[in-house]
Amino acid sequence: MANIKTAISLQESLFEQVEVLAQEMQVSRSRLFVLALENFIRDYQDKQLFDAINKASAENSPDSDEDLQRNQIRRHQRRMVEGEW
């Protein structure tokens, strides 16, 4: 995969933190930015998936009529097996 160079502007305090962290991790600043962006993108995609799952789950949740019917079936089943145990 081809690498593309880009320029970004940072506040000086953030740049200094990047410098320190890159030295601690023994990676170049460029590599640190790549790692940070990969992590950010992965977190964003995970959140998008999580939100989609929650939305689908909410849309498929049973309504009150289904809950009522399910409870009636459970009561009926309990009465049928009452005393068998």
Protein backbone atom coordinates (compact mmCIF):
# COMPACT_ATOMS: atom_id res chain seq x y z
CA MET A 1 0.00 0.00 0.00
CA ALA A 2 1.35 3.41 -0.92
CA ASN A 3 2.09 5.95 1.77
CA ILE A 4 0.83 9.49 1.41
CA LYS A 5 2.46 12.38 3.18
CA THR A 6 0.25 14.96 4.81
CA ALA A 7 0.77 18.03 6.95
CA ILE A 8 -1.26 18.82 10.03
CA SER A 9 -1.29 21.70 12.46
CA LEU A 10 -1.14 20.97 16.19
CA GLN A 11 -1.07 23.06 19.29
CA GLU A 12 2.43 23.15 20.66
CA SER A 13 1.44 21.43 23.91
CA LEU A 14 -0.10 18.52 22.00
CA PHE A 15 2.96 18.25 19.77
CA GLU A 16 5.17 18.04 22.85
CA GLN A 17 3.03 15.24 24.25
CA VAL A 18 3.31 13.41 20.94
CA GLU A 19 7.09 13.78 21.01
CA VAL A 20 7.32 12.35 24.53
CA LEU A 21 4.96 9.47 23.81
CA ALA A 22 6.70 8.57 20.55
CA GLN A 23 10.03 8.43 22.39
CA GLU A 24 8.54 6.29 25.18
CA MET A 25 7.02 3.91 22.66
CA GLN A 26 10.17 3.97 20.54
CA VAL A 27 8.25 4.76 17.37
CA SER A 28 8.39 7.68 14.98
CA ARG A 29 5.89 10.51 15.22
CA SER A 30 4.43 9.36 11.92
CA ARG A 31 3.93 5.84 13.26
CA LEU A 32 2.31 7.23 16.42
CA PHE A 33 -0.15 9.25 14.33
CA VAL A 34 -0.96 6.17 12.25
CA LEU A 35 -1.57 4.10 15.38
CA ALA A 36 -3.75 6.83 16.86
CA LEU A 37 -5.82 7.19 13.68
CA GLU A 38 -6.25 3.44 13.29
CA ASN A 39 -7.46 3.24 16.88
CA PHE A 40 -9.81 6.21 16.43
CA ILE A 41 -11.32 4.75 13.26
CA ARG A 42 -11.76 1.31 14.87
CA ASP A 43 -13.47 2.87 17.91
CA TYR A 44 -15.73 4.94 15.64
CA GLN A 45 -16.70 1.89 13.58
CA ASP A 46 -17.34 -0.14 16.74
CA LYS A 47 -19.62 2.62 18.04
CA GLN A 48 -21.49 2.75 14.73
CA LEU A 49 -22.03 -1.02 14.86
CA PHE A 50 -23.08 -0.88 18.52
CA ASP A 51 -25.60 1.88 17.73
CA ALA A 52 -26.98 -0.10 14.78
CA ILE A 53 -27.38 -3.21 16.94
CA ASN A 54 -29.14 -1.21 19.65
CA LYS A 55 -31.45 0.40 17.08
CA ALA A 56 -32.33 -2.98 15.56
CA SER A 57 -32.89 -4.43 19.00
CA ALA A 58 -35.18 -1.57 20.01
CA GLU A 59 -37.17 -1.90 16.78
CA ASN A 60 -37.67 -5.63 17.35
CA SER A 61 -38.58 -5.46 21.02
CA PRO A 62 -41.93 -7.02 21.84
CA ASP A 63 -44.88 -4.70 22.25
CA SER A 64 -47.25 -4.78 25.20
CA ASP A 65 -49.70 -7.11 23.39
CA GLU A 66 -46.94 -9.67 22.86
CA ASP A 67 -45.90 -9.35 26.50
CA LEU A 68 -49.49 -9.90 27.63
CA GLN A 69 -49.88 -12.94 25.39
CA ARG A 70 -46.57 -14.40 26.57
CA ASN A 71 -47.59 -13.97 30.22
CA GLN A 72 -50.94 -15.65 29.57
CA ILE A 73 -49.20 -18.61 27.93
CA ARG A 74 -46.82 -18.93 30.88
CA ARG A 75 -49.70 -18.92 33.38
CA HIS A 76 -51.52 -21.54 31.34
CA GLN A 77 -48.43 -23.75 31.16
CA ARG A 78 -47.91 -23.45 34.93
CA ARG A 79 -51.51 -24.54 35.57
CA MET A 80 -51.05 -27.51 33.22
CA VAL A 81 -48.00 -28.85 35.03
CA GLU A 82 -49.11 -27.85 38.55
CA GLY A 83 -48.72 -30.78 40.90
CA GLU A 84 -46.69 -32.86 38.43
CA TRP A 85 -43.39 -31.92 40.01
